Amino acid sequence: RSQGVTADYVSELKSLGYPQLSAPKLIPLRRLGVSPHFVRELQGVGYRDLSPGALINLRAMGVTPEWVRELKDAGWTGLSTDQLVTLRSEGFQPQGWRRKP
């Protein structure tokens, strides 16, 4: 139960497709607030099978599933996690910026 990594936390991440995470990967995930809910919500907006590093980067830069949903609703689809992080770090807000097809 180091750094808040509980058996429940590990079990939930396993059920979301992360069965082989070691302590050195689990601790930063937990410390930076990558919760099972966060992972589940990202999966719900199309971001599945992300690496632990990508999850940490998204969370650390403030990329939320809600914000990704707003982007998609404005036509910003198919973005990589790196693109999401770049847009977020630049303060991009999708309201009023409809992407041309």
PDB file of N, CA and C in Angstrom:
ATOM      1  N   ARG A   1       0.837  -1.190   0.000  1.00  0.00           N
ATOM      2  CA  ARG A   1       0.000   0.000   0.000  1.00  0.00           C
ATOM      3  C   ARG A   1       0.873   1.241   0.000  1.00  0.00           C
ATOM      4  N   SER A   2       1.889   1.199  -0.754  1.00  0.00           N
ATOM      5  CA  SER A   2       2.826   2.314  -0.856  1.00  0.00           C
ATOM      6  C   SER A   2       2.235   3.444  -1.695  1.00  0.00           C
ATOM      7  N   GLN A   3       2.365   4.677  -1.193  1.00  0.00           N
ATOM      8  CA  GLN A   3       1.958   5.866  -1.940  1.00  0.00           C
ATOM      9  C   GLN A   3       0.486   5.850  -2.356  1.00  0.00           C
ATOM     10  N   GLY A   4      -0.364   5.154  -1.598  1.00  0.00           N
ATOM     11  CA  GLY A   4      -1.782   5.099  -1.924  1.00  0.00           C
ATOM     12  C   GLY A   4      -2.149   4.059  -2.955  1.00  0.00           C
ATOM     13  N   VAL A   5      -1.202   3.225  -3.349  1.00  0.00           N
ATOM     14  CA  VAL A   5      -1.487   2.154  -4.312  1.00  0.00           C
ATOM     15  C   VAL A   5      -2.067   0.979  -3.535  1.00  0.00           C
ATOM     16  N   THR A   6      -3.369   0.816  -3.630  1.00  0.00           N
ATOM     17  CA  THR A   6      -4.055  -0.248  -2.905  1.00  0.00           C
ATOM     18  C   THR A   6      -4.348  -1.422  -3.832  1.00  0.00           C
ATOM     19  N   ALA A   7      -4.743  -2.522  -3.235  1.00  0.00           N
ATOM     20  CA  ALA A   7      -5.125  -3.700  -4.028  1.00  0.00           C
ATOM     21  C   ALA A   7      -6.311  -3.368  -4.928  1.00  0.00           C
ATOM     22  N   ASP A   8      -7.237  -2.561  -4.427  1.00  0.00           N
ATOM     23  CA  ASP A   8      -8.394  -2.171  -5.247  1.00  0.00           C
ATOM     24  C   ASP A   8      -7.962  -1.350  -6.454  1.00  0.00           C
ATOM     25  N   TYR A   9      -7.029  -0.435  -6.243  1.00  0.00           N
ATOM     26  CA  TYR A   9      -6.516   0.398  -7.333  1.00  0.00           C
ATOM     27  C   TYR A   9      -5.885  -0.483  -8.413  1.00  0.00           C
ATOM     28  N   VAL A  10      -5.038  -1.407  -8.000  1.00  0.00           N
ATOM     29  CA  VAL A  10      -4.373  -2.322  -8.934  1.00  0.00           C
ATOM     30  C   VAL A  10      -5.405  -3.172  -9.664  1.00  0.00           C
ATOM     31  N   SER A  11      -6.388  -3.693  -8.932  1.00  0.00           N
ATOM     32  CA  SER A  11      -7.428  -4.534  -9.519  1.00  0.00           C
ATOM     33  C   SER A  11      -8.250  -3.778 -10.558  1.00  0.00           C
ATOM     34  N   GLU A  12      -8.604  -2.539 -10.239  1.00  0.00           N
ATOM     35  CA  GLU A  12      -9.391  -1.750 -11.194  1.00  0.00           C
ATOM     36  C   GLU A  12      -8.599  -1.439 -12.456  1.00  0.00           C
ATOM     37  N   LEU A  13      -7.321  -1.105 -12.304  1.00  0.00           N
ATOM     38  CA  LEU A  13      -6.503  -0.857 -13.489  1.00  0.00           C
ATOM     39  C   LEU A  13      -6.351  -2.130 -14.323  1.00  0.00           C
ATOM     40  N   LYS A  14      -6.212  -3.264 -13.664  1.00  0.00           N
ATOM     41  CA  LYS A  14      -6.148  -4.537 -14.395  1.00  0.00           C
ATOM     42  C   LYS A  14      -7.406  -4.734 -15.227  1.00  0.00           C
ATOM     43  N   SER A  15      -8.561  -4.452 -14.645  1.00  0.00           N
ATOM     44  CA  SER A  15      -9.826  -4.641 -15.354  1.00  0.00           C
ATOM     45  C   SER A  15      -9.976  -3.676 -16.530  1.00  0.00           C
ATOM     46  N   LEU A  16      -9.207  -2.605 -16.530  1.00  0.00           N
ATOM     47  CA  LEU A  16      -9.250  -1.616 -17.613  1.00  0.00           C
ATOM     48  C   LEU A  16      -8.175  -1.862 -18.673  1.00  0.00           C
ATOM     49  N   GLY A  17      -7.460  -2.972 -18.538  1.00  0.00           N
ATOM     50  CA  GLY A  17      -6.475  -3.332 -19.557  1.00  0.00           C
ATOM     51  C   GLY A  17      -5.030  -3.096 -19.179  1.00  0.00           C
ATOM     52  N   TYR A  18      -4.771  -2.937 -17.885  1.00  0.00           N
ATOM     53  CA  TYR A  18      -3.398  -2.714 -17.417  1.00  0.00           C
ATOM     54  C   TYR A  18      -3.020  -3.811 -16.414  1.00  0.00           C
ATOM     55  N   PRO A  19      -2.827  -5.039 -16.912  1.00  0.00           N
ATOM     56  CA  PRO A  19      -2.621  -6.174 -16.007  1.00  0.00           C
ATOM     57  C   PRO A  19      -1.211  -6.329 -15.449  1.00  0.00           C
ATOM     58  N   GLN A  20      -0.227  -5.733 -16.057  1.00  0.00           N
ATOM     59  CA  GLN A  20       1.167  -6.009 -15.679  1.00  0.00           C
ATOM     60  C   GLN A  20       1.914  -4.782 -15.184  1.00  0.00           C
ATOM     61  N   LEU A  21       1.248  -3.892 -14.495  1.00  0.00           N
ATOM     62  CA  LEU A  21       1.934  -2.685 -14.033  1.00  0.00           C
ATOM     63  C   LEU A  21       2.751  -2.974 -12.781  1.00  0.00           C
ATOM     64  N   SER A  22       4.008  -2.596 -12.819  1.00  0.00           N
ATOM     65  CA  SER A  22       4.904  -2.771 -11.673  1.00  0.00           C
ATOM     66  C   SER A  22       4.778  -1.566 -10.739  1.00  0.00           C
ATOM     67  N   ALA A  23       5.306  -1.706  -9.549  1.00  0.00           N
ATOM     68  CA  ALA A  23       5.273  -0.615  -8.569  1.00  0.00           C
ATOM     69  C   ALA A  23       5.878   0.675  -9.123  1.00  0.00           C
ATOM     70  N   PRO A  24       7.024   0.609  -9.838  1.00  0.00           N
ATOM     71  CA  PRO A  24       7.580   1.855 -10.384  1.00  0.00           C
ATOM     72  C   PRO A  24       6.662   2.558 -11.388  1.00  0.00           C
ATOM     73  N   LYS A  25       5.712   1.839 -11.964  1.00  0.00           N
ATOM     74  CA  LYS A  25       4.738   2.462 -12.872  1.00  0.00           C
ATOM     75  C   LYS A  25       3.487   2.879 -12.110  1.00  0.00           C
ATOM     76  N   LEU A  26       3.075   2.068 -11.143  1.00  0.00           N
ATOM     77  CA  LEU A  26       1.852   2.350 -10.393  1.00  0.00           C
ATOM     78  C   LEU A  26       1.968   3.587  -9.504  1.00  0.00           C
ATOM     79  N   ILE A  27       3.100   3.762  -8.865  1.00  0.00           N
ATOM     80  CA  ILE A  27       3.257   4.870  -7.915  1.00  0.00           C
ATOM     81  C   ILE A  27       3.096   6.230  -8.596  1.00  0.00           C
ATOM     82  N   PRO A  28       3.777   6.497  -9.725  1.00  0.00           N
ATOM     83  CA  PRO A  28       3.560   7.803 -10.359  1.00  0.00           C
ATOM     84  C   PRO A  28       2.136   7.973 -10.889  1.00  0.00           C
ATOM     85  N   LEU A  29       1.529   6.893 -11.371  1.00  0.00           N
ATOM     86  CA  LEU A  29       0.140   6.982 -11.825  1.00  0.00           C
ATOM     87  C   LEU A  29      -0.744   7.477 -10.692  1.00  0.00           C
ATOM     88  N   ARG A  30      -0.615   6.823  -9.554  1.00  0.00           N
ATOM     89  CA  ARG A  30      -1.435   7.166  -8.396  1.00  0.00           C
ATOM     90  C   ARG A  30      -1.102   8.558  -7.863  1.00  0.00           C
ATOM     91  N   ARG A  31       0.171   8.859  -7.771  1.00  0.00           N
ATOM     92  CA  ARG A  31       0.616  10.139  -7.225  1.00  0.00           C
ATOM     93  C   ARG A  31       0.100  11.312  -8.056  1.00  0.00           C
ATOM     94  N   LEU A  32       0.040  11.136  -9.377  1.00  0.00           N
ATOM     95  CA  LEU A  32      -0.405  12.218 -10.253  1.00  0.00           C
ATOM     96  C   LEU A  32      -1.914  12.210 -10.492  1.00  0.00           C
ATOM     97  N   GLY A  33      -2.616  11.305  -9.815  1.00  0.00           N
ATOM     98  CA  GLY A  33      -4.077  11.339  -9.881  1.00  0.00           C
ATOM     99  C   GLY A  33      -4.694  10.607 -11.045  1.00  0.00           C
ATOM    100  N   VAL A  34      -3.969   9.660 -11.623  1.00  0.00           N
ATOM    101  CA  VAL A  34      -4.551   8.846 -12.689  1.00  0.00           C
ATOM    102  C   VAL A  34      -5.401   7.778 -12.012  1.00  0.00           C
ATOM    103  N   SER A  35      -6.678   8.062 -11.923  1.00  0.00           N
ATOM    104  CA  SER A  35      -7.608   7.147 -11.255  1.00  0.00           C
ATOM    105  C   SER A  35      -8.227   6.196 -12.273  1.00  0.00           C
ATOM    106  N   PRO A  36      -8.777   5.091 -11.805  1.00  0.00           N
ATOM    107  CA  PRO A  36      -9.513   4.212 -12.717  1.00  0.00           C
ATOM    108  C   PRO A  36     -10.640   4.963 -13.430  1.00  0.00           C
ATOM    109  N   HIS A  37     -11.279   5.883 -12.726  1.00  0.00           N
ATOM    110  CA  HIS A  37     -12.345   6.681 -13.343  1.00  0.00           C
ATOM    111  C   HIS A  37     -11.804   7.499 -14.519  1.00  0.00           C
ATOM    112  N   PHE A  38     -10.639   8.132 -14.330  1.00  0.00           N
ATOM    113  CA  PHE A  38      -9.994   8.911 -15.387  1.00  0.00           C
ATOM    114  C   PHE A  38      -9.708   8.024 -16.601  1.00  0.00           C
ATOM    115  N   VAL A  39      -9.154   6.845 -16.364  1.00  0.00           N
ATOM    116  CA  VAL A  39      -8.831   5.915 -17.453  1.00  0.00           C
ATOM    117  C   VAL A  39     -10.109   5.475 -18.167  1.00  0.00           C
ATOM    118  N   ARG A  40     -11.127   5.125 -17.405  1.00  0.00           N
ATOM    119  CA  ARG A  40     -12.409   4.672 -17.962  1.00  0.00           C
ATOM    120  C   ARG A  40     -13.032   5.768 -18.831  1.00  0.00           C
ATOM    121  N   GLU A  41     -13.004   7.002 -18.337  1.00  0.00           N
ATOM    122  CA  GLU A  41     -13.576   8.118 -19.091  1.00  0.00           C
ATOM    123  C   GLU A  41     -12.796   8.384 -20.379  1.00  0.00           C
ATOM    124  N   LEU A  42     -11.470   8.299 -20.327  1.00  0.00           N
ATOM    125  CA  LEU A  42     -10.671   8.454 -21.548  1.00  0.00           C
ATOM    126  C   LEU A  42     -11.001   7.357 -22.547  1.00  0.00           C
ATOM    127  N   GLN A  43     -11.158   6.143 -22.064  1.00  0.00           N
ATOM    128  CA  GLN A  43     -11.534   5.047 -22.952  1.00  0.00           C
ATOM    129  C   GLN A  43     -12.885   5.332 -23.600  1.00  0.00           C
ATOM    130  N   GLY A  44     -13.774   5.945 -22.832  1.00  0.00           N
ATOM    131  CA  GLY A  44     -15.100   6.274 -23.340  1.00  0.00           C
ATOM    132  C   GLY A  44     -15.104   7.319 -24.447  1.00  0.00           C
ATOM    133  N   VAL A  45     -14.069   8.135 -24.516  1.00  0.00           N
ATOM    134  CA  VAL A  45     -13.966   9.124 -25.597  1.00  0.00           C
ATOM    135  C   VAL A  45     -12.968   8.679 -26.666  1.00  0.00           C
ATOM    136  N   GLY A  46     -12.626   7.379 -26.634  1.00  0.00           N
ATOM    137  CA  GLY A  46     -11.839   6.799 -27.719  1.00  0.00           C
ATOM    138  C   GLY A  46     -10.356   6.626 -27.481  1.00  0.00           C
ATOM    139  N   TYR A  47      -9.888   6.913 -26.290  1.00  0.00           N
ATOM    140  CA  TYR A  47      -8.456   6.782 -26.011  1.00  0.00           C
ATOM    141  C   TYR A  47      -8.213   5.540 -25.165  1.00  0.00           C
ATOM    142  N   ARG A  48      -8.011   4.431 -25.863  1.00  0.00           N
ATOM    143  CA  ARG A  48      -7.803   3.126 -25.243  1.00  0.00           C
ATOM    144  C   ARG A  48      -6.343   2.716 -25.373  1.00  0.00           C
ATOM    145  N   ASP A  49      -5.954   1.788 -24.544  1.00  0.00           N
ATOM    146  CA  ASP A  49      -4.615   1.201 -24.638  1.00  0.00           C
ATOM    147  C   ASP A  49      -3.493   2.235 -24.583  1.00  0.00           C
ATOM    148  N   LEU A  50      -3.685   3.257 -23.792  1.00  0.00           N
ATOM    149  CA  LEU A  50      -2.633   4.269 -23.634  1.00  0.00           C
ATOM    150  C   LEU A  50      -1.549   3.751 -22.709  1.00  0.00           C
ATOM    151  N   SER A  51      -0.340   4.142 -22.962  1.00  0.00           N
ATOM    152  CA  SER A  51       0.766   3.747 -22.086  1.00  0.00           C
ATOM    153  C   SER A  51       0.623   4.471 -20.748  1.00  0.00           C
ATOM    154  N   PRO A  52       1.215   3.916 -19.686  1.00  0.00           N
ATOM    155  CA  PRO A  52       1.209   4.632 -18.408  1.00  0.00           C
ATOM    156  C   PRO A  52       1.790   6.038 -18.544  1.00  0.00           C
ATOM    157  N   GLY A  53       2.841   6.178 -19.342  1.00  0.00           N
ATOM    158  CA  GLY A  53       3.447   7.493 -19.557  1.00  0.00           C
ATOM    159  C   GLY A  53       2.482   8.475 -20.200  1.00  0.00           C
ATOM    160  N   ALA A  54       1.700   8.006 -21.167  1.00  0.00           N
ATOM    161  CA  ALA A  54       0.716   8.874 -21.827  1.00  0.00           C
ATOM    162  C   ALA A  54      -0.375   9.288 -20.843  1.00  0.00           C
ATOM    163  N   LEU A  55      -0.827   8.354 -20.012  1.00  0.00           N
ATOM    164  CA  LEU A  55      -1.843   8.674 -19.005  1.00  0.00           C
ATOM    165  C   LEU A  55      -1.328   9.738 -18.042  1.00  0.00           C
ATOM    166  N   ILE A  56      -0.097   9.575 -17.606  1.00  0.00           N
ATOM    167  CA  ILE A  56       0.511  10.543 -16.684  1.00  0.00           C
ATOM    168  C   ILE A  56       0.625  11.911 -17.353  1.00  0.00           C
ATOM    169  N   ASN A  57       1.085  11.921 -18.587  1.00  0.00           N
ATOM    170  CA  ASN A  57       1.255  13.174 -19.312  1.00  0.00           C
ATOM    171  C   ASN A  57      -0.074  13.898 -19.499  1.00  0.00           C
ATOM    172  N   LEU A  58      -1.108  13.163 -19.888  1.00  0.00           N
ATOM    173  CA  LEU A  58      -2.426  13.770 -20.071  1.00  0.00           C
ATOM    174  C   LEU A  58      -2.924  14.380 -18.765  1.00  0.00           C
ATOM    175  N   ARG A  59      -2.813  13.606 -17.697  1.00  0.00           N
ATOM    176  CA  ARG A  59      -3.300  14.067 -16.392  1.00  0.00           C
ATOM    177  C   ARG A  59      -2.494  15.277 -15.900  1.00  0.00           C
ATOM    178  N   ALA A  60      -1.184  15.204 -16.031  1.00  0.00           N
ATOM    179  CA  ALA A  60      -0.318  16.287 -15.557  1.00  0.00           C
ATOM    180  C   ALA A  60      -0.565  17.590 -16.313  1.00  0.00           C
ATOM    181  N   MET A  61      -0.937  17.490 -17.581  1.00  0.00           N
ATOM    182  CA  MET A  61      -1.141  18.687 -18.395  1.00  0.00           C
ATOM    183  C   MET A  61      -2.585  19.179 -18.364  1.00  0.00           C
ATOM    184  N   GLY A  62      -3.443  18.493 -17.600  1.00  0.00           N
ATOM    185  CA  GLY A  62      -4.818  18.964 -17.449  1.00  0.00           C
ATOM    186  C   GLY A  62      -5.756  18.565 -18.561  1.00  0.00           C
ATOM    187  N   VAL A  63      -5.379  17.555 -19.335  1.00  0.00           N
ATOM    188  CA  VAL A  63      -6.271  17.049 -20.380  1.00  0.00           C
ATOM    189  C   VAL A  63      -7.310  16.169 -19.697  1.00  0.00           C
ATOM    190  N   THR A  64      -8.558  16.601 -19.748  1.00  0.00           N
ATOM    191  CA  THR A  64      -9.631  15.840 -19.113  1.00  0.00           C
ATOM    192  C   THR A  64     -10.504  15.176 -20.171  1.00  0.00           C
ATOM    193  N   PRO A  65     -11.180  14.106 -19.805  1.00  0.00           N
ATOM    194  CA  PRO A  65     -12.112  13.486 -20.753  1.00  0.00           C
ATOM    195  C   PRO A  65     -13.202  14.464 -21.209  1.00  0.00           C
ATOM    196  N   GLU A  66     -13.630  15.341 -20.329  1.00  0.00           N
ATOM    197  CA  GLU A  66     -14.650  16.329 -20.684  1.00  0.00           C
ATOM    198  C   GLU A  66     -14.147  17.272 -21.774  1.00  0.00           C
ATOM    199  N   TRP A  67     -12.892  17.710 -21.626  1.00  0.00           N
ATOM    200  CA  TRP A  67     -12.289  18.606 -22.606  1.00  0.00           C
ATOM    201  C   TRP A  67     -12.130  17.896 -23.951  1.00  0.00           C
ATOM    202  N   VAL A  68     -11.722  16.625 -23.908  1.00  0.00           N
ATOM    203  CA  VAL A  68     -11.596  15.839 -25.142  1.00  0.00           C
ATOM    204  C   VAL A  68     -12.960  15.708 -25.816  1.00  0.00           C
ATOM    205  N   ARG A  69     -13.996  15.518 -25.028  1.00  0.00           N
ATOM    206  CA  ARG A  69     -15.360  15.424 -25.565  1.00  0.00           C
ATOM    207  C   ARG A  69     -15.757  16.738 -26.240  1.00  0.00           C
ATOM    208  N   GLU A  70     -15.403  17.857 -25.615  1.00  0.00           N
ATOM    209  CA  GLU A  70     -15.679  19.165 -26.225  1.00  0.00           C
ATOM    210  C   GLU A  70     -14.950  19.309 -27.562  1.00  0.00           C
ATOM    211  N   LEU A  71     -13.704  18.874 -27.606  1.00  0.00           N
ATOM    212  CA  LEU A  71     -12.947  18.908 -28.858  1.00  0.00           C
ATOM    213  C   LEU A  71     -13.654  18.089 -29.929  1.00  0.00           C
ATOM    214  N   LYS A  72     -14.054  16.878 -29.578  1.00  0.00           N
ATOM    215  CA  LYS A  72     -14.725  16.009 -30.548  1.00  0.00           C
ATOM    216  C   LYS A  72     -16.020  16.630 -31.044  1.00  0.00           C
ATOM    217  N   ASP A  73     -16.778  17.215 -30.123  1.00  0.00           N
ATOM    218  CA  ASP A  73     -18.038  17.853 -30.504  1.00  0.00           C
ATOM    219  C   ASP A  73     -17.816  19.015 -31.471  1.00  0.00           C
ATOM    220  N   ALA A  74     -16.647  19.645 -31.400  1.00  0.00           N
ATOM    221  CA  ALA A  74     -16.304  20.751 -32.294  1.00  0.00           C
ATOM    222  C   ALA A  74     -15.598  20.267 -33.569  1.00  0.00           C
ATOM    223  N   GLY A  75     -15.519  18.951 -33.735  1.00  0.00           N
ATOM    224  CA  GLY A  75     -14.933  18.405 -34.954  1.00  0.00           C
ATOM    225  C   GLY A  75     -13.455  18.067 -34.873  1.00  0.00           C
ATOM    226  N   TRP A  76     -12.860  18.216 -33.704  1.00  0.00           N
ATOM    227  CA  TRP A  76     -11.436  17.913 -33.522  1.00  0.00           C
ATOM    228  C   TRP A  76     -11.305  16.451 -33.113  1.00  0.00           C
ATOM    229  N   THR A  77     -11.301  15.578 -34.095  1.00  0.00           N
ATOM    230  CA  THR A  77     -11.240  14.141 -33.832  1.00  0.00           C
ATOM    231  C   THR A  77      -9.920  13.563 -34.322  1.00  0.00           C
ATOM    232  N   GLY A  78      -9.603  12.372 -33.834  1.00  0.00           N
ATOM    233  CA  GLY A  78      -8.415  11.665 -34.295  1.00  0.00           C
ATOM    234  C   GLY A  78      -7.105  12.279 -33.839  1.00  0.00           C
ATOM    235  N   LEU A  79      -7.146  13.067 -32.786  1.00  0.00           N
ATOM    236  CA  LEU A  79      -5.916  13.696 -32.298  1.00  0.00           C
ATOM    237  C   LEU A  79      -5.094  12.705 -31.472  1.00  0.00           C
ATOM    238  N   SER A  80      -3.794  12.763 -31.614  1.00  0.00           N
ATOM    239  CA  SER A  80      -2.905  11.927 -30.804  1.00  0.00           C
ATOM    240  C   SER A  80      -2.847  12.506 -29.392  1.00  0.00           C
ATOM    241  N   THR A  81      -2.347  11.724 -28.462  1.00  0.00           N
ATOM    242  CA  THR A  81      -2.202  12.242 -27.103  1.00  0.00           C
ATOM    243  C   THR A  81      -1.205  13.403 -27.079  1.00  0.00           C
ATOM    244  N   ASP A  82      -0.186  13.351 -27.905  1.00  0.00           N
ATOM    245  CA  ASP A  82       0.766  14.465 -27.977  1.00  0.00           C
ATOM    246  C   ASP A  82       0.078  15.740 -28.475  1.00  0.00           C
ATOM    247  N   GLN A  83      -0.805  15.602 -29.447  1.00  0.00           N
ATOM    248  CA  GLN A  83      -1.539  16.754 -29.948  1.00  0.00           C
ATOM    249  C   GLN A  83      -2.480  17.312 -28.879  1.00  0.00           C
ATOM    250  N   LEU A  84      -3.126  16.431 -28.139  1.00  0.00           N
ATOM    251  CA  LEU A  84      -3.998  16.876 -27.050  1.00  0.00           C
ATOM    252  C   LEU A  84      -3.209  17.685 -26.025  1.00  0.00           C
ATOM    253  N   VAL A  85      -2.050  17.170 -25.647  1.00  0.00           N
ATOM    254  CA  VAL A  85      -1.207  17.848 -24.660  1.00  0.00           C
ATOM    255  C   VAL A  85      -0.761  19.214 -25.194  1.00  0.00           C
ATOM    256  N   THR A  86      -0.372  19.275 -26.456  1.00  0.00           N
ATOM    257  CA  THR A  86       0.063  20.539 -27.048  1.00  0.00           C
ATOM    258  C   THR A  86      -1.067  21.561 -27.056  1.00  0.00           C
ATOM    259  N   LEU A  87      -2.249  21.144 -27.498  1.00  0.00           N
ATOM    260  CA  LEU A  87      -3.384  22.063 -27.524  1.00  0.00           C
ATOM    261  C   LEU A  87      -3.715  22.561 -26.119  1.00  0.00           C
ATOM    262  N   ARG A  88      -3.706  21.643 -25.159  1.00  0.00           N
ATOM    263  CA  ARG A  88      -4.046  22.018 -23.781  1.00  0.00           C
ATOM    264  C   ARG A  88      -2.996  22.961 -23.194  1.00  0.00           C
ATOM    265  N   SER A  89      -1.725  22.672 -23.451  1.00  0.00           N
ATOM    266  CA  SER A  89      -0.664  23.505 -22.894  1.00  0.00           C
ATOM    267  C   SER A  89      -0.670  24.911 -23.489  1.00  0.00           C
ATOM    268  N   GLU A  90      -1.238  25.042 -24.690  1.00  0.00           N
ATOM    269  CA  GLU A  90      -1.349  26.350 -25.324  1.00  0.00           C
ATOM    270  C   GLU A  90      -2.654  27.052 -24.960  1.00  0.00           C
ATOM    271  N   GLY A  91      -3.458  26.407 -24.118  1.00  0.00           N
ATOM    272  CA  GLY A  91      -4.697  27.020 -23.654  1.00  0.00           C
ATOM    273  C   GLY A  91      -5.841  26.979 -24.646  1.00  0.00           C
ATOM    274  N   PHE A  92      -5.750  26.096 -25.626  1.00  0.00           N
ATOM    275  CA  PHE A  92      -6.786  26.017 -26.658  1.00  0.00           C
ATOM    276  C   PHE A  92      -8.128  25.628 -26.048  1.00  0.00           C
ATOM    277  N   GLN A  93      -9.157  26.373 -26.426  1.00  0.00           N
ATOM    278  CA  GLN A  93     -10.526  26.058 -26.035  1.00  0.00           C
ATOM    279  C   GLN A  93     -11.340  25.820 -27.306  1.00  0.00           C
ATOM    280  N   PRO A  94     -12.006  24.678 -27.417  1.00  0.00           N
ATOM    281  CA  PRO A  94     -12.694  24.343 -28.659  1.00  0.00           C
ATOM    282  C   PRO A  94     -13.943  25.174 -28.957  1.00  0.00           C
ATOM    283  N   GLN A  95     -14.502  25.850 -27.958  1.00  0.00           N
ATOM    284  CA  GLN A  95     -15.697  26.640 -28.211  1.00  0.00           C
ATOM    285  C   GLN A  95     -15.390  27.714 -29.252  1.00  0.00           C
ATOM    286  N   GLY A  96     -16.195  27.723 -30.299  1.00  0.00           N
ATOM    287  CA  GLY A  96     -16.011  28.720 -31.338  1.00  0.00           C
ATOM    288  C   GLY A  96     -14.981  28.370 -32.402  1.00  0.00           C
ATOM    289  N   TRP A  97     -14.327  27.242 -32.256  1.00  0.00           N
ATOM    290  CA  TRP A  97     -13.313  26.810 -33.229  1.00  0.00           C
ATOM    291  C   TRP A  97     -13.723  25.492 -33.860  1.00  0.00           C
ATOM    292  N   ARG A  98     -14.702  25.537 -34.725  1.00  0.00           N
ATOM    293  CA  ARG A  98     -15.140  24.316 -35.387  1.00  0.00           C
ATOM    294  C   ARG A  98     -14.111  23.947 -36.446  1.00  0.00           C
ATOM    295  N   ARG A  99     -13.683  22.711 -36.399  1.00  0.00           N
ATOM    296  CA  ARG A  99     -12.673  22.221 -37.344  1.00  0.00           C
ATOM    297  C   ARG A  99     -13.363  21.850 -38.646  1.00  0.00           C
ATOM    298  N   LYS A 100     -12.774  22.252 -39.753  1.00  0.00           N
ATOM    299  CA  LYS A 100     -13.338  21.930 -41.058  1.00  0.00           C
ATOM    300  C   LYS A 100     -13.085  20.461 -41.359  1.00  0.00           C
ATOM    301  N   PRO A 101     -14.084  19.812 -41.950  1.00  0.00           N
ATOM    302  CA  PRO A 101     -13.907  18.376 -42.283  1.00  0.00           C
ATOM    303  C   PRO A 101     -12.875  18.136 -43.352  1.00  0.00           C
TER     304      PRO A 101
END
